[in-house]
Amino acid sequence: MSTTLTSPAALMGIPSRPAPLPLGRAAPSRPDPADRLSVSITAPSDAVTLCALAGEVDFYTADLFRSRLIGSLNTAAPLVVIDLSQVTFFGVAGLHVLIEARTWAGHTDRRVRLVTGPRCVDRLLEVAGEAADFDTAANLADAVLDAA
């Protein structure tokens, strides 16, 4: 008669860790952030720089958002409009990028205004409270109205 020892985790139904990949095999690669997030920087006028996003802003795409936005701020117009109306997911990493941009703008006599709309954006800004106290507009036309 043989006795098989079972770990306490197995008895409780907790799955064991997956086995490490054999040497020489690479871990599956993550999708390119540019496949999940489009970031467009334009200057519709001398008074406005527009950063338009479409897609998911999360931990994996926030660096793409940050690099494109922060990289354009040195030559930005007095009003930087960040259009989030086409965002399908907006996580805390994206909020951190917005706060960085707002902080930068505060040091350079520029203003940041957000175009909101999707529930994922509005909800995160609401939950963040004072940390996410941004100048917002419901649409792009309203966002640039007083910039001229």
N, C-alpha and C. Protein backbone atom coordinates (compact mmCIF):
# COMPACT_ATOMS: atom_id res chain seq x y z
N MET A 1 0.84 -1.17 0.00
CA MET A 1 0.00 0.00 0.00
C MET A 1 0.89 1.23 0.00
N SER A 2 0.63 2.18 -0.91
CA SER A 2 1.43 3.39 -0.97
C SER A 2 0.61 4.57 -0.49
N THR A 3 1.30 5.54 0.05
CA THR A 3 0.66 6.75 0.55
C THR A 3 1.12 7.92 -0.29
N THR A 4 0.17 8.73 -0.77
CA THR A 4 0.49 9.91 -1.55
C THR A 4 0.26 11.13 -0.68
N LEU A 5 1.27 11.98 -0.57
CA LEU A 5 1.13 13.20 0.20
C LEU A 5 0.55 14.29 -0.70
N THR A 6 -0.41 15.01 -0.19
CA THR A 6 -1.03 16.10 -0.93
C THR A 6 -0.78 17.39 -0.16
N SER A 7 -0.41 18.42 -0.88
CA SER A 7 -0.12 19.70 -0.23
C SER A 7 -1.42 20.32 0.28
N PRO A 8 -1.33 21.17 1.33
CA PRO A 8 -2.53 21.84 1.83
C PRO A 8 -3.20 22.71 0.77
N ALA A 9 -2.40 23.34 -0.09
CA ALA A 9 -2.97 24.17 -1.14
C ALA A 9 -3.81 23.34 -2.11
N ALA A 10 -3.32 22.14 -2.45
CA ALA A 10 -4.06 21.27 -3.36
C ALA A 10 -5.36 20.81 -2.71
N LEU A 11 -5.33 20.55 -1.41
CA LEU A 11 -6.54 20.13 -0.72
C LEU A 11 -7.60 21.25 -0.71
N MET A 12 -7.15 22.49 -0.70
CA MET A 12 -8.09 23.61 -0.65
C MET A 12 -8.50 24.04 -2.06
N GLY A 13 -7.99 23.38 -3.10
CA GLY A 13 -8.38 23.71 -4.47
C GLY A 13 -7.62 24.88 -5.06
N ILE A 14 -6.51 25.27 -4.45
CA ILE A 14 -5.70 26.37 -4.98
C ILE A 14 -4.77 25.80 -6.04
N PRO A 15 -4.83 26.33 -7.24
CA PRO A 15 -3.97 25.78 -8.29
C PRO A 15 -2.50 26.06 -8.00
N SER A 16 -1.67 25.15 -8.44
CA SER A 16 -0.23 25.34 -8.24
C SER A 16 0.30 26.31 -9.29
N ARG A 17 1.48 26.84 -9.04
CA ARG A 17 2.11 27.74 -9.99
C ARG A 17 2.43 26.99 -11.26
N PRO A 18 2.32 27.70 -12.39
CA PRO A 18 2.71 27.04 -13.63
C PRO A 18 4.22 26.80 -13.64
N ALA A 19 4.61 25.78 -14.32
CA ALA A 19 6.03 25.45 -14.41
C ALA A 19 6.75 26.53 -15.21
N PRO A 20 8.00 26.85 -14.84
CA PRO A 20 8.75 27.85 -15.61
C PRO A 20 8.99 27.34 -17.02
N LEU A 21 9.16 28.28 -17.94
CA LEU A 21 9.45 27.91 -19.32
C LEU A 21 10.81 27.24 -19.40
N PRO A 22 10.94 26.24 -20.23
CA PRO A 22 12.25 25.61 -20.41
C PRO A 22 13.24 26.62 -20.94
N LEU A 23 14.52 26.42 -20.62
CA LEU A 23 15.55 27.31 -21.11
C LEU A 23 15.53 27.34 -22.63
N GLY A 24 15.75 28.53 -23.16
CA GLY A 24 15.78 28.66 -24.60
C GLY A 24 14.43 29.05 -25.20
N ARG A 25 13.38 29.00 -24.41
CA ARG A 25 12.06 29.40 -24.91
C ARG A 25 11.71 30.75 -24.32
N ALA A 26 11.31 31.65 -25.15
CA ALA A 26 10.96 33.00 -24.72
C ALA A 26 9.51 33.03 -24.24
N ALA A 27 9.26 33.92 -23.31
CA ALA A 27 7.89 34.13 -22.85
C ALA A 27 7.09 34.76 -23.99
N PRO A 28 5.79 34.50 -24.02
CA PRO A 28 4.98 35.13 -25.07
C PRO A 28 5.09 36.65 -24.99
N SER A 29 5.17 37.29 -26.13
CA SER A 29 5.32 38.75 -26.14
C SER A 29 3.96 39.42 -25.98
N ARG A 30 4.00 40.60 -25.40
CA ARG A 30 2.78 41.40 -25.25
C ARG A 30 2.52 42.13 -26.56
N PRO A 31 1.27 42.46 -26.80
CA PRO A 31 0.99 43.21 -28.03
C PRO A 31 1.64 44.59 -27.98
N ASP A 32 1.93 45.11 -29.14
CA ASP A 32 2.51 46.45 -29.25
C ASP A 32 1.50 47.46 -28.72
N PRO A 33 1.92 48.37 -27.81
CA PRO A 33 0.99 49.37 -27.29
C PRO A 33 0.31 50.19 -28.39
N ALA A 34 1.01 50.41 -29.49
CA ALA A 34 0.43 51.18 -30.59
C ALA A 34 -0.74 50.46 -31.25
N ASP A 35 -0.86 49.15 -31.03
CA ASP A 35 -2.00 48.40 -31.55
C ASP A 35 -3.24 48.64 -30.70
N ARG A 36 -3.05 49.11 -29.47
CA ARG A 36 -4.18 49.31 -28.55
C ARG A 36 -4.49 50.76 -28.28
N LEU A 37 -3.57 51.68 -28.62
CA LEU A 37 -3.78 53.10 -28.35
C LEU A 37 -3.20 53.93 -29.49
N SER A 38 -4.03 54.83 -30.00
CA SER A 38 -3.58 55.79 -31.00
C SER A 38 -3.45 57.14 -30.31
N VAL A 39 -2.28 57.78 -30.49
CA VAL A 39 -2.03 59.11 -29.93
C VAL A 39 -1.66 60.03 -31.08
N SER A 40 -2.46 61.07 -31.25
CA SER A 40 -2.24 62.03 -32.33
C SER A 40 -2.03 63.41 -31.74
N ILE A 41 -0.92 64.06 -32.11
CA ILE A 41 -0.62 65.42 -31.64
C ILE A 41 -0.70 66.35 -32.85
N THR A 42 -1.56 67.36 -32.77
CA THR A 42 -1.70 68.32 -33.85
C THR A 42 -1.77 69.73 -33.27
N ALA A 43 -1.61 70.71 -34.15
CA ALA A 43 -1.73 72.11 -33.76
C ALA A 43 -2.77 72.77 -34.65
N PRO A 44 -4.05 72.67 -34.26
CA PRO A 44 -5.10 73.25 -35.11
C PRO A 44 -5.03 74.77 -35.21
N SER A 45 -4.34 75.41 -34.28
CA SER A 45 -4.14 76.87 -34.34
C SER A 45 -2.91 77.22 -33.52
N ASP A 46 -2.52 78.49 -33.57
CA ASP A 46 -1.37 78.93 -32.77
C ASP A 46 -1.70 78.92 -31.28
N ALA A 47 -2.98 78.90 -30.95
CA ALA A 47 -3.39 78.97 -29.55
C ALA A 47 -3.66 77.61 -28.93
N VAL A 48 -3.73 76.54 -29.75
CA VAL A 48 -4.14 75.22 -29.24
C VAL A 48 -3.22 74.13 -29.76
N THR A 49 -2.80 73.26 -28.86
CA THR A 49 -2.17 71.98 -29.22
C THR A 49 -3.16 70.91 -28.82
N LEU A 50 -3.45 69.99 -29.73
CA LEU A 50 -4.44 68.95 -29.48
C LEU A 50 -3.76 67.59 -29.42
N CYS A 51 -4.02 66.89 -28.33
CA CYS A 51 -3.57 65.51 -28.17
C CYS A 51 -4.83 64.65 -28.15
N ALA A 52 -5.07 63.89 -29.22
CA ALA A 52 -6.27 63.07 -29.33
C ALA A 52 -5.90 61.60 -29.13
N LEU A 53 -6.63 60.93 -28.24
CA LEU A 53 -6.40 59.52 -27.95
C LEU A 53 -7.58 58.69 -28.43
N ALA A 54 -7.29 57.47 -28.86
CA ALA A 54 -8.33 56.52 -29.21
C ALA A 54 -7.85 55.14 -28.81
N GLY A 55 -8.65 54.44 -28.02
CA GLY A 55 -8.30 53.10 -27.59
C GLY A 55 -8.17 53.00 -26.08
N GLU A 56 -7.29 52.13 -25.64
CA GLU A 56 -7.13 51.81 -24.22
C GLU A 56 -5.92 52.51 -23.63
N VAL A 57 -6.13 53.19 -22.50
CA VAL A 57 -5.03 53.81 -21.77
C VAL A 57 -4.89 53.02 -20.47
N ASP A 58 -3.86 52.19 -20.41
CA ASP A 58 -3.64 51.34 -19.24
C ASP A 58 -2.15 51.25 -18.94
N PHE A 59 -1.77 50.34 -18.08
CA PHE A 59 -0.38 50.19 -17.67
C PHE A 59 0.55 49.97 -18.88
N TYR A 60 0.09 49.23 -19.87
CA TYR A 60 0.94 48.90 -21.01
C TYR A 60 1.00 49.99 -22.07
N THR A 61 -0.01 50.87 -22.12
CA THR A 61 -0.02 51.91 -23.15
C THR A 61 0.30 53.30 -22.60
N ALA A 62 0.36 53.44 -21.29
CA ALA A 62 0.59 54.75 -20.68
C ALA A 62 1.94 55.35 -21.08
N ASP A 63 2.97 54.53 -21.24
CA ASP A 63 4.28 55.06 -21.65
C ASP A 63 4.23 55.66 -23.06
N LEU A 64 3.46 55.06 -23.94
CA LEU A 64 3.27 55.61 -25.28
C LEU A 64 2.58 56.97 -25.18
N PHE A 65 1.51 57.04 -24.40
CA PHE A 65 0.79 58.30 -24.16
C PHE A 65 1.73 59.34 -23.58
N ARG A 66 2.47 58.97 -22.53
CA ARG A 66 3.40 59.90 -21.86
C ARG A 66 4.45 60.42 -22.82
N SER A 67 5.09 59.54 -23.54
CA SER A 67 6.19 59.98 -24.41
C SER A 67 5.69 60.91 -25.51
N ARG A 68 4.55 60.61 -26.10
CA ARG A 68 4.02 61.48 -27.16
C ARG A 68 3.57 62.83 -26.60
N LEU A 69 2.86 62.82 -25.46
CA LEU A 69 2.34 64.06 -24.89
C LEU A 69 3.47 64.91 -24.32
N ILE A 70 4.27 64.36 -23.44
CA ILE A 70 5.33 65.13 -22.80
C ILE A 70 6.35 65.60 -23.84
N GLY A 71 6.60 64.77 -24.85
CA GLY A 71 7.52 65.16 -25.92
C GLY A 71 7.04 66.36 -26.71
N SER A 72 5.74 66.58 -26.76
CA SER A 72 5.20 67.70 -27.53
C SER A 72 5.02 68.97 -26.68
N LEU A 73 5.14 68.86 -25.40
CA LEU A 73 4.83 70.00 -24.54
C LEU A 73 5.84 71.14 -24.64
N ASN A 74 7.07 70.85 -25.03
CA ASN A 74 8.07 71.92 -25.15
C ASN A 74 7.71 72.93 -26.23
N THR A 75 6.98 72.50 -27.23
CA THR A 75 6.59 73.40 -28.31
C THR A 75 5.08 73.62 -28.35
N ALA A 76 4.41 73.31 -27.28
CA ALA A 76 2.95 73.40 -27.23
C ALA A 76 2.46 74.84 -27.20
N ALA A 77 1.22 75.01 -27.65
CA ALA A 77 0.53 76.30 -27.61
C ALA A 77 0.11 76.59 -26.16
N PRO A 78 -0.41 77.79 -25.91
CA PRO A 78 -0.83 78.14 -24.55
C PRO A 78 -1.92 77.23 -23.96
N LEU A 79 -2.75 76.63 -24.84
CA LEU A 79 -3.78 75.69 -24.37
C LEU A 79 -3.50 74.33 -24.96
N VAL A 80 -3.37 73.33 -24.08
CA VAL A 80 -3.17 71.94 -24.50
C VAL A 80 -4.48 71.22 -24.22
N VAL A 81 -5.15 70.78 -25.27
CA VAL A 81 -6.40 70.05 -25.14
C VAL A 81 -6.10 68.56 -25.32
N ILE A 82 -6.50 67.77 -24.35
CA ILE A 82 -6.32 66.32 -24.42
C ILE A 82 -7.71 65.73 -24.61
N ASP A 83 -7.94 65.20 -25.81
CA ASP A 83 -9.25 64.67 -26.19
C ASP A 83 -9.32 63.19 -25.84
N LEU A 84 -10.11 62.87 -24.82
CA LEU A 84 -10.28 61.50 -24.35
C LEU A 84 -11.62 60.91 -24.79
N SER A 85 -12.31 61.58 -25.71
CA SER A 85 -13.66 61.16 -26.08
C SER A 85 -13.71 59.81 -26.81
N GLN A 86 -12.58 59.35 -27.35
CA GLN A 86 -12.55 58.07 -28.06
C GLN A 86 -11.84 56.97 -27.27
N VAL A 87 -11.64 57.21 -25.98
CA VAL A 87 -10.97 56.23 -25.12
C VAL A 87 -11.98 55.16 -24.70
N THR A 88 -11.58 53.89 -24.80
CA THR A 88 -12.47 52.79 -24.43
C THR A 88 -12.16 52.20 -23.06
N PHE A 89 -10.96 52.45 -22.57
CA PHE A 89 -10.58 52.05 -21.21
C PHE A 89 -9.60 53.09 -20.71
N PHE A 90 -9.77 53.52 -19.46
CA PHE A 90 -8.89 54.53 -18.89
C PHE A 90 -8.52 54.12 -17.47
N GLY A 91 -7.25 53.76 -17.27
CA GLY A 91 -6.79 53.29 -15.98
C GLY A 91 -5.98 54.33 -15.24
N VAL A 92 -5.57 53.98 -14.05
CA VAL A 92 -4.82 54.88 -13.18
C VAL A 92 -3.52 55.32 -13.82
N ALA A 93 -2.88 54.47 -14.60
CA ALA A 93 -1.64 54.86 -15.26
C ALA A 93 -1.87 56.04 -16.19
N GLY A 94 -3.01 56.10 -16.85
CA GLY A 94 -3.35 57.23 -17.70
C GLY A 94 -3.59 58.49 -16.88
N LEU A 95 -4.20 58.32 -15.72
CA LEU A 95 -4.42 59.46 -14.83
C LEU A 95 -3.09 60.06 -14.38
N HIS A 96 -2.12 59.22 -14.11
CA HIS A 96 -0.79 59.71 -13.73
C HIS A 96 -0.17 60.56 -14.84
N VAL A 97 -0.37 60.16 -16.09
CA VAL A 97 0.16 60.94 -17.21
C VAL A 97 -0.52 62.30 -17.26
N LEU A 98 -1.83 62.33 -17.05
CA LEU A 98 -2.56 63.60 -17.05
C LEU A 98 -2.07 64.52 -15.94
N ILE A 99 -1.82 63.97 -14.77
CA ILE A 99 -1.35 64.77 -13.65
C ILE A 99 0.05 65.32 -13.94
N GLU A 100 0.91 64.51 -14.56
CA GLU A 100 2.24 64.99 -14.96
C GLU A 100 2.11 66.16 -15.93
N ALA A 101 1.23 66.02 -16.91
CA ALA A 101 1.04 67.09 -17.91
C ALA A 101 0.50 68.36 -17.25
N ARG A 102 -0.43 68.21 -16.34
CA ARG A 102 -0.98 69.38 -15.64
C ARG A 102 0.09 70.06 -14.80
N THR A 103 0.93 69.29 -14.13
CA THR A 103 2.01 69.84 -13.33
C THR A 103 2.99 70.60 -14.22
N TRP A 104 3.35 70.00 -15.34
CA TRP A 104 4.26 70.66 -16.28
C TRP A 104 3.65 71.96 -16.76
N ALA A 105 2.38 71.94 -17.14
CA ALA A 105 1.72 73.14 -17.65
C ALA A 105 1.70 74.25 -16.61
N GLY A 106 1.52 73.88 -15.36
CA GLY A 106 1.50 74.88 -14.30
C GLY A 106 2.81 75.63 -14.14
N HIS A 107 3.90 75.03 -14.59
CA HIS A 107 5.22 75.67 -14.50
C HIS A 107 5.58 76.48 -15.74
N THR A 108 4.74 76.43 -16.77
CA THR A 108 5.10 77.06 -18.05
C THR A 108 4.02 77.99 -18.61
N ASP A 109 3.12 78.43 -17.78
CA ASP A 109 2.04 79.33 -18.22
C ASP A 109 1.18 78.74 -19.33
N ARG A 110 1.04 77.45 -19.32
CA ARG A 110 0.13 76.79 -20.26
C ARG A 110 -1.02 76.18 -19.46
N ARG A 111 -2.12 75.93 -20.15
CA ARG A 111 -3.27 75.30 -19.51
C ARG A 111 -3.54 73.96 -20.17
N VAL A 112 -4.04 73.01 -19.37
CA VAL A 112 -4.45 71.72 -19.89
C VAL A 112 -5.96 71.61 -19.70
N ARG A 113 -6.64 71.25 -20.76
CA ARG A 113 -8.10 71.05 -20.71
C ARG A 113 -8.39 69.67 -21.29
N LEU A 114 -9.26 68.94 -20.64
CA LEU A 114 -9.63 67.60 -21.09
C LEU A 114 -10.99 67.60 -21.76
N VAL A 115 -11.11 66.85 -22.83
CA VAL A 115 -12.41 66.54 -23.41
C VAL A 115 -12.75 65.15 -22.89
N THR A 116 -13.81 65.08 -22.10
CA THR A 116 -14.19 63.81 -21.49
C THR A 116 -15.43 63.27 -22.21
N GLY A 117 -16.07 62.31 -21.61
CA GLY A 117 -17.28 61.76 -22.21
C GLY A 117 -17.48 60.30 -21.89
N PRO A 118 -16.50 59.45 -22.21
CA PRO A 118 -16.69 58.04 -21.91
C PRO A 118 -16.80 57.82 -20.39
N ARG A 119 -17.65 56.91 -20.01
CA ARG A 119 -17.88 56.61 -18.59
C ARG A 119 -16.58 56.21 -17.89
N CYS A 120 -15.70 55.47 -18.57
CA CYS A 120 -14.46 55.02 -17.95
C CYS A 120 -13.58 56.20 -17.55
N VAL A 121 -13.61 57.27 -18.34
CA VAL A 121 -12.82 58.47 -18.04
C VAL A 121 -13.48 59.26 -16.92
N ASP A 122 -14.76 59.54 -17.09
CA ASP A 122 -15.48 60.34 -16.10
C ASP A 122 -15.47 59.69 -14.72
N ARG A 123 -15.61 58.38 -14.68
CA ARG A 123 -15.65 57.67 -13.39
C ARG A 123 -14.30 57.75 -12.68
N LEU A 124 -13.21 57.57 -13.39
CA LEU A 124 -11.89 57.63 -12.76
C LEU A 124 -11.60 59.04 -12.26
N LEU A 125 -11.96 60.05 -13.03
CA LEU A 125 -11.75 61.42 -12.57
C LEU A 125 -12.60 61.72 -11.33
N GLU A 126 -13.81 61.18 -11.31
CA GLU A 126 -14.69 61.37 -10.16
C GLU A 126 -14.12 60.70 -8.91
N VAL A 127 -13.67 59.47 -9.05
CA VAL A 127 -13.13 58.72 -7.91
C VAL A 127 -11.83 59.35 -7.41
N ALA A 128 -11.02 59.89 -8.30
CA ALA A 128 -9.73 60.48 -7.91
C ALA A 128 -9.91 61.78 -7.15
N GLY A 129 -11.06 62.40 -7.24
CA GLY A 129 -11.35 63.60 -6.46
C GLY A 129 -10.44 64.76 -6.80
N GLU A 130 -9.94 65.42 -5.77
CA GLU A 130 -9.13 66.63 -5.95
C GLU A 130 -7.85 66.37 -6.74
N ALA A 131 -7.32 65.18 -6.65
CA ALA A 131 -6.10 64.86 -7.40
C ALA A 131 -6.35 64.98 -8.91
N ALA A 132 -7.59 64.79 -9.32
CA ALA A 132 -7.94 64.85 -10.73
C ALA A 132 -8.85 66.04 -11.03
N ASP A 133 -8.59 67.14 -10.38
CA ASP A 133 -9.39 68.34 -10.58
C ASP A 133 -8.89 69.06 -11.83
N PHE A 134 -9.42 68.66 -12.98
CA PHE A 134 -9.01 69.20 -14.27
C PHE A 134 -10.07 70.12 -14.83
N ASP A 135 -9.62 71.03 -15.68
CA ASP A 135 -10.52 71.83 -16.49
C ASP A 135 -11.04 70.88 -17.57
N THR A 136 -12.35 70.68 -17.65
CA THR A 136 -12.91 69.73 -18.61
C THR A 136 -13.94 70.39 -19.51
N ALA A 137 -14.18 69.75 -20.63
CA ALA A 137 -15.21 70.17 -21.57
C ALA A 137 -15.90 68.91 -22.08
N ALA A 138 -17.16 69.06 -22.45
CA ALA A 138 -17.94 67.92 -22.92
C ALA A 138 -17.62 67.54 -24.37
N ASN A 139 -17.08 68.50 -25.14
CA ASN A 139 -16.75 68.21 -26.54
C ASN A 139 -15.59 69.09 -26.99
N LEU A 140 -15.05 68.76 -28.12
CA LEU A 140 -13.86 69.45 -28.62
C LEU A 140 -14.15 70.92 -28.94
N ALA A 141 -15.30 71.21 -29.51
CA ALA A 141 -15.64 72.60 -29.84
C ALA A 141 -15.65 73.46 -28.59
N ASP A 142 -16.26 72.98 -27.50
CA ASP A 142 -16.27 73.73 -26.26
C ASP A 142 -14.88 73.88 -25.67
N ALA A 143 -14.04 72.87 -25.85
CA ALA A 143 -12.69 72.88 -25.28
C ALA A 143 -11.81 73.97 -25.88
N VAL A 144 -11.99 74.26 -27.17
CA VAL A 144 -11.13 75.24 -27.83
C VAL A 144 -11.82 76.60 -28.01
N LEU A 145 -13.05 76.73 -27.54
CA LEU A 145 -13.85 77.93 -27.78
C LEU A 145 -13.17 79.21 -27.33
N ASP A 146 -12.63 79.23 -26.13
CA ASP A 146 -12.03 80.48 -25.61
C ASP A 146 -10.53 80.56 -25.82
N ALA A 147 -9.98 79.69 -26.64
CA ALA A 147 -8.52 79.69 -26.84
C ALA A 147 -8.06 80.75 -27.82
N ALA A 148 -8.92 81.14 -28.71
CA ALA A 148 -8.52 82.09 -29.76
C ALA A 148 -8.38 83.50 -29.25
